[in-house]
């Protein structure tokens, strides 16, 4: 294989060119999850766009929808990008999937689109200040963070922040080590970037952590294998799983690592995979697609982090890679009223009370009754923020003004509390 130096412009487009030619399960998908409205009846995975191969089969417009309960795929309205889209940032918030940037015709774009899950329709939002593709990304407290990435000529250090409520962009603290094609995930209320090309052609094992509360970056544990062109998924707030990627660029690998206190090597993927999507429902990890160096896959896998094993699932309707997915909880239908309504056994009743600690910090006290499980999941604005012991209370410390909606759910039991809201207005 020819390993002579090549230009970044020649090598980057679509992650498609191997070295002989001298290239992020949303969400959040990081991804976040939709809040259950009372109880949930399973989850669906949304995977939009990506690349299907080379030549005449470049980027796709497909909106793929996987129903976990029935193990079946359907499709929704295609993304309105005429030539298709890949290498984009994607995350979900309150029933809407947000897609920012990406690669079209071999270069970065700054377009931002929103897909309404309920209506199966697309809209266009305020554009990004800097066009990028292959960035790190995730949604935290109603804001989409797009970190670093490549603008075609090289990496940028920009941290671009989209406020969903106001449809406006701002900037945060620059990324200390700009990267192309890192893995990323929202974990314990922070945005994690790991790996990537720093710069492109020189893979890194670094983990960079952004805290939106302090607008600052810190360094986390290093990965075992340097790589780029891969994604990550948080399993509740317990760990991050990051499968696939390239090391070096042009050579897909089947490495899989899991972050707890440090990164650990796990069972390898069944095939080398550049850019497979990866999302988690809090118990299992779902992995799909990927490019193995010769074939673009339609495979869908379920990874069990406890047994460290993979189970094949129904294949996607078309091959794809370098398009991260998001996972969305599906609310159950409205129950039929009964002539003599009685309280549901085990129904969870939640209250939320908030107060200011000081000028910058706010504290929300949650209290609930009726949960029968040993532990419960805490949701804030549609994102599972913690799994805690079922003590009947939890305190959530906030640093940003806004309206916050909470719910408490029994893990795996599809039994959730009412929604409880608190509001903090500015000084």
Protein backbone atom coordinates (compact mmCIF):
# COMPACT_ATOMS: atom_id res chain seq x y z
CA UNK A 1 0.00 0.00 0.00
CA UNK A 2 1.34 3.42 -0.95
CA UNK A 3 1.95 5.40 2.25
CA UNK A 4 3.42 8.54 0.77
CA UNK A 5 2.12 11.82 2.22
CA UNK A 6 -1.09 13.21 0.76
CA UNK A 7 -2.89 16.52 1.09
CA UNK A 8 -5.69 16.87 3.58
CA UNK A 9 -8.08 18.17 0.92
CA UNK A 10 -7.44 15.10 -1.24
CA UNK A 11 -7.82 12.63 1.59
CA UNK A 12 -10.68 13.89 3.72
CA UNK A 13 -13.84 13.75 1.60
CA UNK A 14 -16.36 11.12 2.70
CA UNK A 15 -13.77 9.09 4.58
CA UNK A 16 -13.71 7.16 1.34
CA UNK A 17 -10.16 7.26 0.03
CA UNK A 18 -7.63 4.70 1.23
CA UNK A 19 -3.96 5.46 1.58
CA UNK A 20 -3.31 3.99 -1.86
CA UNK A 21 -4.84 7.18 -3.28
CA UNK A 22 -1.80 9.27 -2.19
CA UNK A 23 -11.72 9.27 5.65
CA UNK A 24 -20.10 10.25 14.18
CA UNK A 25 -27.02 5.07 18.77
CA UNK A 26 -28.10 10.61 17.98
CA UNK A 27 -27.56 10.88 19.99
CA UNK A 28 -26.87 12.61 21.54
CA UNK A 29 -26.62 11.54 20.98
CA UNK A 30 -24.62 12.07 22.10
CA UNK A 31 -27.05 11.60 22.31
CA UNK A 32 -30.13 12.44 24.46
CA UNK A 33 -33.39 10.56 24.85
CA UNK A 34 -36.97 11.80 24.64
CA UNK A 35 -38.79 12.08 27.92
CA UNK A 36 -41.50 9.50 28.57
CA UNK A 37 -44.81 11.30 29.01
CA UNK A 38 -46.12 8.87 31.61
CA UNK A 39 -45.02 5.41 30.60
CA UNK A 40 -42.96 4.27 27.65
CA UNK A 41 -43.70 1.47 25.23
CA UNK A 42 -40.21 0.79 23.93
CA UNK A 43 -37.71 2.84 21.96
CA UNK A 44 -36.86 3.61 18.35
CA UNK A 45 -33.51 4.40 16.78
CA UNK A 46 -33.27 7.12 14.12
CA UNK A 47 -30.28 7.09 11.76
CA UNK A 48 -30.21 9.76 9.07
CA UNK A 49 -27.99 10.06 6.02
CA UNK A 50 -24.41 8.81 5.92
CA UNK A 51 -22.40 7.35 3.07
CA UNK A 52 -23.33 4.22 1.17
CA UNK A 53 -20.13 3.72 -0.81
CA UNK A 54 -18.10 5.41 -3.48
CA UNK A 55 -18.52 6.71 -7.00
CA UNK A 56 -22.19 6.99 -7.90
CA UNK A 57 -23.19 5.84 -4.39
CA UNK A 58 -21.94 8.63 -2.17
CA UNK A 59 -24.00 10.31 0.54
CA UNK A 60 -27.59 9.23 1.24
CA UNK A 61 -30.78 11.06 2.25
CA UNK A 62 -32.38 8.10 4.04
CA UNK A 63 -34.13 8.51 7.39
CA UNK A 64 -33.88 5.01 8.88
CA UNK A 65 -36.12 4.09 11.82
CA UNK A 66 -35.48 0.94 13.84
CA UNK A 67 -38.16 -0.35 16.23
CA UNK A 68 -36.31 -2.19 19.00
CA UNK A 69 -39.37 -4.11 20.25
CA UNK A 70 -40.32 -5.56 16.86
CA UNK A 71 -36.77 -5.74 15.42
CA UNK A 72 -37.91 -4.04 12.21
CA UNK A 73 -36.80 -1.08 10.09
CA UNK A 74 -38.93 1.53 8.35
CA UNK A 75 -38.07 4.88 6.77
CA UNK A 76 -39.26 8.44 7.30
CA UNK A 77 -39.14 11.63 5.24
CA UNK A 78 -35.67 11.93 3.68
CA UNK A 79 -33.42 14.78 4.74
CA UNK A 80 -33.89 17.65 2.24
CA UNK A 81 -30.24 17.74 1.19
CA UNK A 82 -30.32 17.04 -2.58
CA UNK A 83 -26.97 15.25 -2.70
CA UNK A 84 -27.32 13.51 0.64
CA UNK A 85 -25.35 14.19 3.82
CA UNK A 86 -22.70 12.53 5.99
CA UNK A 87 -20.19 13.42 8.71
CA UNK A 88 -22.80 15.60 10.47
CA UNK A 89 -23.60 16.32 14.12
CA UNK A 90 -26.92 14.90 15.33
CA UNK A 91 -28.84 14.89 18.62
CA UNK A 92 -32.44 14.74 19.85
CA UNK A 93 -34.34 17.02 22.22
CA UNK A 94 -38.03 16.94 23.14
CA UNK A 95 -39.14 14.96 20.09
CA UNK A 96 -37.03 16.85 17.54
CA UNK A 97 -33.82 15.60 15.91
CA UNK A 98 -31.26 18.31 15.16
CA UNK A 99 -28.65 17.92 12.40
CA UNK A 100 -25.82 20.43 12.10
CA UNK A 101 -23.07 20.78 9.51
CA UNK A 102 -21.69 17.78 7.68
CA UNK A 103 -20.08 17.17 4.32
CA UNK A 104 -21.64 17.92 0.93
CA UNK A 105 -19.70 17.78 -2.35
CA UNK A 106 -16.43 17.15 -0.55
CA UNK A 107 -16.56 20.11 1.82
CA UNK A 108 -18.16 21.35 5.03
CA UNK A 109 -21.56 23.06 5.23
CA UNK A 110 -23.13 25.17 8.00
CA UNK A 111 -26.76 24.15 7.41
CA UNK A 112 -28.86 23.19 10.44
CA UNK A 113 -32.02 21.13 10.04
CA UNK A 114 -34.68 19.83 12.42
CA UNK A 115 -36.73 16.65 11.99
CA UNK A 116 -40.02 16.56 13.89
CA UNK A 117 -40.57 12.94 14.84
CA UNK A 118 -44.32 13.27 15.44
CA UNK A 119 -45.08 14.93 12.10
CA UNK A 120 -42.31 13.33 10.01
CA UNK A 121 -41.35 16.76 8.64
CA UNK A 122 -38.18 18.82 8.21
CA UNK A 123 -37.44 22.49 8.83
CA UNK A 124 -34.33 24.68 8.48
CA UNK A 125 -32.88 26.60 11.42
CA UNK A 126 -30.25 29.31 11.96
CA UNK A 127 -26.97 28.30 10.27
CA UNK A 128 -23.79 27.55 12.18
CA UNK A 129 -21.22 30.38 12.42
CA UNK A 130 -18.49 28.03 11.15
CA UNK A 131 -19.11 25.27 8.64
CA UNK A 132 -17.63 21.98 9.90
CA UNK A 133 -17.88 18.24 9.44
CA UNK A 134 -16.66 15.34 11.59
CA UNK A 135 -17.05 17.29 14.85
CA UNK A 136 -17.85 16.08 18.36
CA UNK A 137 -21.39 16.87 19.52
CA UNK A 138 -24.17 16.45 22.06
CA UNK A 139 -27.18 18.18 23.65
CA UNK A 140 -27.13 19.34 27.28
CA UNK A 141 -29.99 21.30 28.88
CA UNK A 142 -31.54 22.42 25.61
CA UNK A 143 -28.30 23.43 23.92
CA UNK A 144 -26.54 21.63 21.08
CA UNK A 145 -22.75 21.66 21.39
CA UNK A 146 -20.66 21.16 18.24
CA UNK A 147 -16.99 20.85 19.18
CA UNK A 148 -14.02 21.18 16.84
CA UNK A 149 -14.23 19.24 13.55
CA UNK A 150 -12.82 20.15 10.15
CA UNK A 151 -13.67 23.01 7.79
CA UNK A 152 -11.99 21.34 4.74
CA UNK A 153 -8.56 22.93 5.15
CA UNK A 154 -7.94 21.62 8.65
CA UNK A 155 -9.20 21.33 12.21
CA UNK A 156 -10.91 24.20 14.02
CA UNK A 157 -10.90 24.78 17.78
CA UNK A 158 -14.40 26.30 17.81
CA UNK A 159 -17.01 25.20 20.31
CA UNK A 160 -20.29 26.25 18.68
CA UNK A 161 -23.39 26.31 20.91
CA UNK A 162 -26.93 26.31 19.54
CA UNK A 163 -29.71 27.45 21.88
CA UNK A 164 -32.84 25.55 20.85
CA UNK A 165 -35.20 27.94 22.64
CA UNK A 166 -33.94 31.08 20.86
CA UNK A 167 -32.66 29.56 17.57
CA UNK A 168 -29.32 31.34 18.03
CA UNK A 169 -25.65 30.38 18.07
CA UNK A 170 -22.86 31.42 20.44
CA UNK A 171 -19.34 30.21 21.19
CA UNK A 172 -17.82 28.53 24.22
CA UNK A 173 -14.28 27.91 25.37
CA UNK A 174 -12.13 26.65 22.46
CA UNK A 175 -11.30 22.95 22.27
CA UNK A 176 -7.74 22.56 23.67
CA UNK A 177 -6.69 20.00 21.05
CA UNK A 178 -8.64 20.44 17.79
CA UNK A 179 -9.60 17.11 16.24
CA UNK A 180 -11.18 15.61 13.12
CA UNK A 181 -13.57 12.67 13.51
CA UNK A 182 -13.44 12.09 17.29
CA UNK A 183 -15.86 9.95 19.22
CA UNK A 184 -18.17 11.94 21.48
CA UNK A 185 -20.94 11.49 24.05
CA UNK A 186 -22.81 13.39 26.73
CA UNK A 187 -21.83 11.77 30.02
CA UNK A 188 -22.67 12.91 33.56
CA UNK A 189 -23.79 16.30 32.27
CA UNK A 190 -20.60 16.99 30.33
CA UNK A 191 -19.50 16.67 26.69
CA UNK A 192 -16.75 14.09 26.16
CA UNK A 193 -14.51 14.07 23.08
CA UNK A 194 -12.15 11.14 22.65
CA UNK A 195 -9.68 10.21 19.96
CA UNK A 196 -9.75 11.79 16.52
CA UNK A 197 -7.10 13.12 14.17
CA UNK A 198 -5.01 15.79 15.88
CA UNK A 199 -4.25 16.92 13.24
CA UNK A 200 -5.69 14.64 10.57
CA UNK A 201 -3.22 11.86 9.83
CA UNK A 202 -1.99 11.72 13.44
CA UNK A 203 -4.52 9.90 15.61
CA UNK A 204 -4.75 10.69 19.31
CA UNK A 205 -5.90 8.74 22.38
CA UNK A 206 -6.78 11.91 24.32
CA UNK A 207 -10.10 12.41 26.12
CA UNK A 208 -11.24 16.04 26.38
CA UNK A 209 -14.13 16.96 28.70
CA UNK A 210 -16.23 20.13 28.48
CA UNK A 211 -18.21 21.31 31.50
CA UNK A 212 -21.01 23.70 30.40
CA UNK A 213 -21.44 24.89 33.98
CA UNK A 214 -17.94 26.37 34.09
CA UNK A 215 -17.35 26.78 30.32
CA UNK A 216 -14.05 24.97 30.69
CA UNK A 217 -12.18 21.91 29.42
CA UNK A 218 -10.32 19.26 31.38
CA UNK A 219 -8.44 16.10 30.40
CA UNK A 220 -9.80 12.60 31.01
CA UNK A 221 -8.30 9.11 30.77
CA UNK A 222 -6.53 8.23 27.51
CA UNK A 223 -7.97 5.55 25.23
CA UNK A 224 -5.99 2.39 24.60
CA UNK A 225 -6.16 2.62 20.80
CA UNK A 226 -5.74 5.88 18.88
CA UNK A 227 -8.36 6.22 16.17
CA UNK A 228 -10.76 8.50 14.29
CA UNK A 229 -14.09 8.18 12.39
CA UNK A 230 -16.12 6.63 15.19
CA UNK A 231 -18.85 7.54 17.70
CA UNK A 232 -19.67 6.97 21.37
CA UNK A 233 -22.75 6.19 23.47
CA UNK A 234 -23.32 6.71 27.20
CA UNK A 235 -24.98 3.85 29.07
CA UNK A 236 -27.01 5.87 31.57
CA UNK A 237 -24.36 7.79 33.49
CA UNK A 238 -22.38 4.66 34.22
CA UNK A 239 -20.04 4.36 31.22
CA UNK A 240 -19.34 5.19 27.57
CA UNK A 241 -18.93 2.59 24.83
CA UNK A 242 -16.96 3.47 21.68
CA UNK A 243 -16.68 0.85 18.89
CA UNK A 244 -14.94 0.93 15.51
CA UNK A 245 -13.03 3.66 13.72
CA UNK A 246 -9.80 3.79 11.70
CA UNK A 247 -6.22 3.31 12.89
CA UNK A 248 -4.39 4.57 10.96
CA UNK A 249 -6.67 6.59 8.70
CA UNK A 250 -7.58 4.31 5.80
CA UNK A 251 -7.62 1.12 7.89
CA UNK A 252 -10.94 0.33 9.63
CA UNK A 253 -10.59 -1.59 12.91
CA UNK A 254 -12.92 -3.68 15.11
CA UNK A 255 -11.70 -2.26 18.43
CA UNK A 256 -14.30 -1.60 21.14
CA UNK A 257 -13.56 0.27 24.36
CA UNK A 258 -15.60 1.17 27.42
CA UNK A 259 -14.96 4.11 29.74
CA UNK A 260 -15.73 3.93 33.46
CA UNK A 261 -12.87 5.18 35.63
CA UNK A 262 -10.57 4.40 32.69
CA UNK A 263 -10.85 3.05 29.15
CA UNK A 264 -10.92 -0.76 28.90
CA UNK A 265 -10.68 -3.00 25.83
CA UNK A 266 -13.88 -5.01 25.29
CA UNK A 267 -14.87 -7.80 22.89
CA UNK A 268 -14.07 -6.72 19.31
CA UNK A 269 -16.78 -5.99 16.77
CA UNK A 270 -17.61 -8.91 14.44
CA UNK A 271 -16.09 -6.89 11.56
CA UNK A 272 -13.84 -3.84 11.15
CA UNK A 273 -16.06 -0.75 10.97
CA UNK A 274 -15.41 2.86 10.06
CA UNK A 275 -18.19 5.12 11.34
CA UNK A 276 -20.84 2.70 12.67
CA UNK A 277 -23.57 4.39 14.68
CA UNK A 278 -23.79 3.57 18.40
CA UNK A 279 -26.61 4.35 20.86
CA UNK A 280 -27.78 2.89 24.17
CA UNK A 281 -31.15 2.39 25.85
CA UNK A 282 -29.47 2.27 29.26
CA UNK A 283 -29.09 -1.51 29.22
CA UNK A 284 -27.89 -2.55 25.76
CA UNK A 285 -25.80 -0.81 23.12
CA UNK A 286 -27.01 -0.80 19.50
CA UNK A 287 -24.43 -0.60 16.71
CA UNK A 288 -25.20 -0.26 13.01
CA UNK A 289 -23.56 -0.04 9.62
CA UNK A 290 -19.91 0.78 9.07
CA UNK A 291 -17.33 0.42 6.31
CA UNK A 292 -14.87 -2.49 6.63
CA UNK A 293 -12.42 -1.41 3.93
CA UNK A 294 -14.25 -3.04 1.04
CA UNK A 295 -17.96 -3.25 1.95
CA UNK A 296 -20.44 -0.80 3.48
CA UNK A 297 -22.58 -2.76 5.94
CA UNK A 298 -26.31 -2.88 6.71
CA UNK A 299 -25.67 -4.91 9.88
CA UNK A 300 -27.39 -4.04 13.15
CA UNK A 301 -25.92 -5.43 16.37
CA UNK A 302 -26.97 -5.45 20.01
CA UNK A 303 -24.03 -5.35 22.39
CA UNK A 304 -24.51 -6.51 25.99
CA UNK A 305 -21.90 -4.76 28.15
CA UNK A 306 -22.51 -7.19 31.03
CA UNK A 307 -21.87 -10.40 29.07
CA UNK A 308 -19.55 -8.61 26.60
CA UNK A 309 -21.31 -10.27 23.63
CA UNK A 310 -22.98 -9.24 20.35
CA UNK A 311 -26.35 -10.35 18.95
CA UNK A 312 -27.25 -9.81 15.26
CA UNK A 313 -30.51 -7.95 14.62
CA UNK A 314 -32.49 -7.06 11.49
CA UNK A 315 -30.33 -5.33 8.85
CA UNK A 316 -30.95 -1.70 7.88
CA UNK A 317 -32.78 -0.97 4.60
CA UNK A 318 -29.59 0.37 2.98
CA UNK A 319 -25.84 0.41 3.69
CA UNK A 320 -24.48 3.37 5.64
CA UNK A 321 -21.55 4.71 7.64
CA UNK A 322 -20.40 7.99 9.22
CA UNK A 323 -23.88 8.99 10.40
CA UNK A 324 -24.51 8.78 14.12
CA UNK A 325 -27.98 7.78 15.37
CA UNK A 326 -30.26 8.85 18.24
CA UNK A 327 -32.55 6.76 20.40
CA UNK A 328 -36.04 7.97 21.32
CA UNK A 329 -38.46 6.61 23.93
CA UNK A 330 -41.94 5.97 22.52
CA UNK A 331 -44.87 7.03 24.74
CA UNK A 332 -47.75 4.64 25.14
CA UNK A 333 -51.18 5.54 23.83
CA UNK A 334 -53.77 7.17 26.07
CA UNK A 335 -55.31 4.49 28.29
CA UNK A 336 -59.03 3.80 27.96
CA UNK A 337 -60.95 5.30 30.92
CA UNK A 338 -62.62 2.82 33.27
CA UNK A 339 -66.03 3.35 34.93
CA UNK A 340 -64.49 3.26 38.41
CA UNK A 341 -60.95 4.59 38.18
CA UNK A 342 -58.60 3.50 40.94
CA UNK A 343 -54.98 4.35 41.58
CA UNK A 344 -52.54 2.16 39.68
CA UNK A 345 -50.50 -0.03 42.07
CA UNK A 346 -46.98 1.29 42.17
CA UNK A 347 -47.85 4.58 40.45
CA UNK A 348 -45.01 7.05 40.99
CA UNK A 349 -45.92 10.50 42.23
CA UNK A 350 -43.20 13.16 41.84
CA UNK A 351 -42.82 16.68 43.23
CA UNK A 352 -40.04 19.17 42.45
CA UNK A 353 -39.04 22.26 44.41
CA UNK A 354 -36.24 24.61 43.44
CA UNK A 355 -34.32 27.43 45.08
CA UNK A 356 -31.23 29.50 44.42
CA UNK A 357 -28.08 28.54 46.29
CA UNK A 358 -26.22 31.66 45.21
CA UNK A 359 -25.95 33.98 42.19
CA UNK A 360 -24.86 31.20 39.87
CA UNK A 361 -26.20 27.94 41.32
CA UNK A 362 -29.72 26.59 41.60
CA UNK A 363 -30.81 23.45 43.44
CA UNK A 364 -33.84 21.30 42.65
CA UNK A 365 -35.12 18.85 45.26
CA UNK A 366 -37.05 15.90 43.82
CA UNK A 367 -39.24 13.72 46.02
CA UNK A 368 -41.32 10.74 44.92
CA UNK A 369 -43.41 7.89 46.23
CA UNK A 370 -44.77 4.72 44.65
CA UNK A 371 -41.64 3.34 42.97
CA UNK A 372 -41.06 -0.33 43.79
CA UNK A 373 -37.70 -0.94 42.10
CA UNK A 374 -34.35 -0.91 43.92
CA UNK A 375 -33.18 1.97 41.72
CA UNK A 376 -34.82 4.64 39.55
CA UNK A 377 -33.87 6.70 36.51
CA UNK A 378 -33.97 10.49 36.81
CA UNK A 379 -34.87 12.42 33.64
CA UNK A 380 -34.31 16.14 33.12
CA UNK A 381 -35.73 17.76 29.95
CA UNK A 382 -35.86 14.45 28.14
CA UNK A 383 -32.38 13.23 29.04
CA UNK A 384 -31.65 10.54 31.60
CA UNK A 385 -29.22 12.27 33.97
CA UNK A 386 -28.79 9.60 36.65
CA UNK A 387 -29.71 6.19 37.93
CA UNK A 388 -29.90 6.29 41.73
CA UNK A 389 -31.04 4.16 44.64
CA UNK A 390 -34.78 4.38 45.26
CA UNK A 391 -34.54 6.53 48.39
CA UNK A 392 -37.46 8.76 47.42
CA UNK A 393 -35.37 11.89 46.97
CA UNK A 394 -32.70 13.39 44.72
CA UNK A 395 -31.00 16.80 44.48
CA UNK A 396 -30.03 18.29 41.11
CA UNK A 397 -27.58 21.22 40.99
CA UNK A 398 -28.00 23.61 38.04
CA UNK A 399 -26.02 26.58 36.77
CA UNK A 400 -28.21 27.79 33.88
CA UNK A 401 -31.52 29.66 34.04
CA UNK A 402 -34.51 28.08 32.33
CA UNK A 403 -37.49 25.75 32.67
CA UNK A 404 -36.68 22.20 33.73
CA UNK A 405 -39.01 19.22 33.47
CA UNK A 406 -38.32 16.12 35.58
CA UNK A 407 -39.55 12.55 35.63
CA UNK A 408 -38.68 9.46 37.65
CA UNK A 409 -38.97 5.99 36.04
CA UNK A 410 -38.43 2.41 37.15
CA UNK A 411 -35.68 0.89 34.96
CA UNK A 412 -37.10 -1.53 32.41
CA UNK A 413 -40.58 -1.52 33.95
CA UNK A 414 -42.18 1.17 31.74
CA UNK A 415 -43.52 2.77 34.93
CA UNK A 416 -42.86 6.52 35.14
CA UNK A 417 -44.01 9.39 37.31
CA UNK A 418 -45.92 12.50 36.36
CA UNK A 419 -43.89 15.40 34.97
CA UNK A 420 -42.78 18.01 37.50
CA UNK A 421 -41.47 21.41 36.38
CA UNK A 422 -39.40 24.13 37.99
CA UNK A 423 -38.49 27.51 36.54
CA UNK A 424 -35.52 29.74 37.25
CA UNK A 425 -35.61 33.23 35.77
CA UNK A 426 -32.64 35.53 35.39
CA UNK A 427 -31.51 38.05 37.98
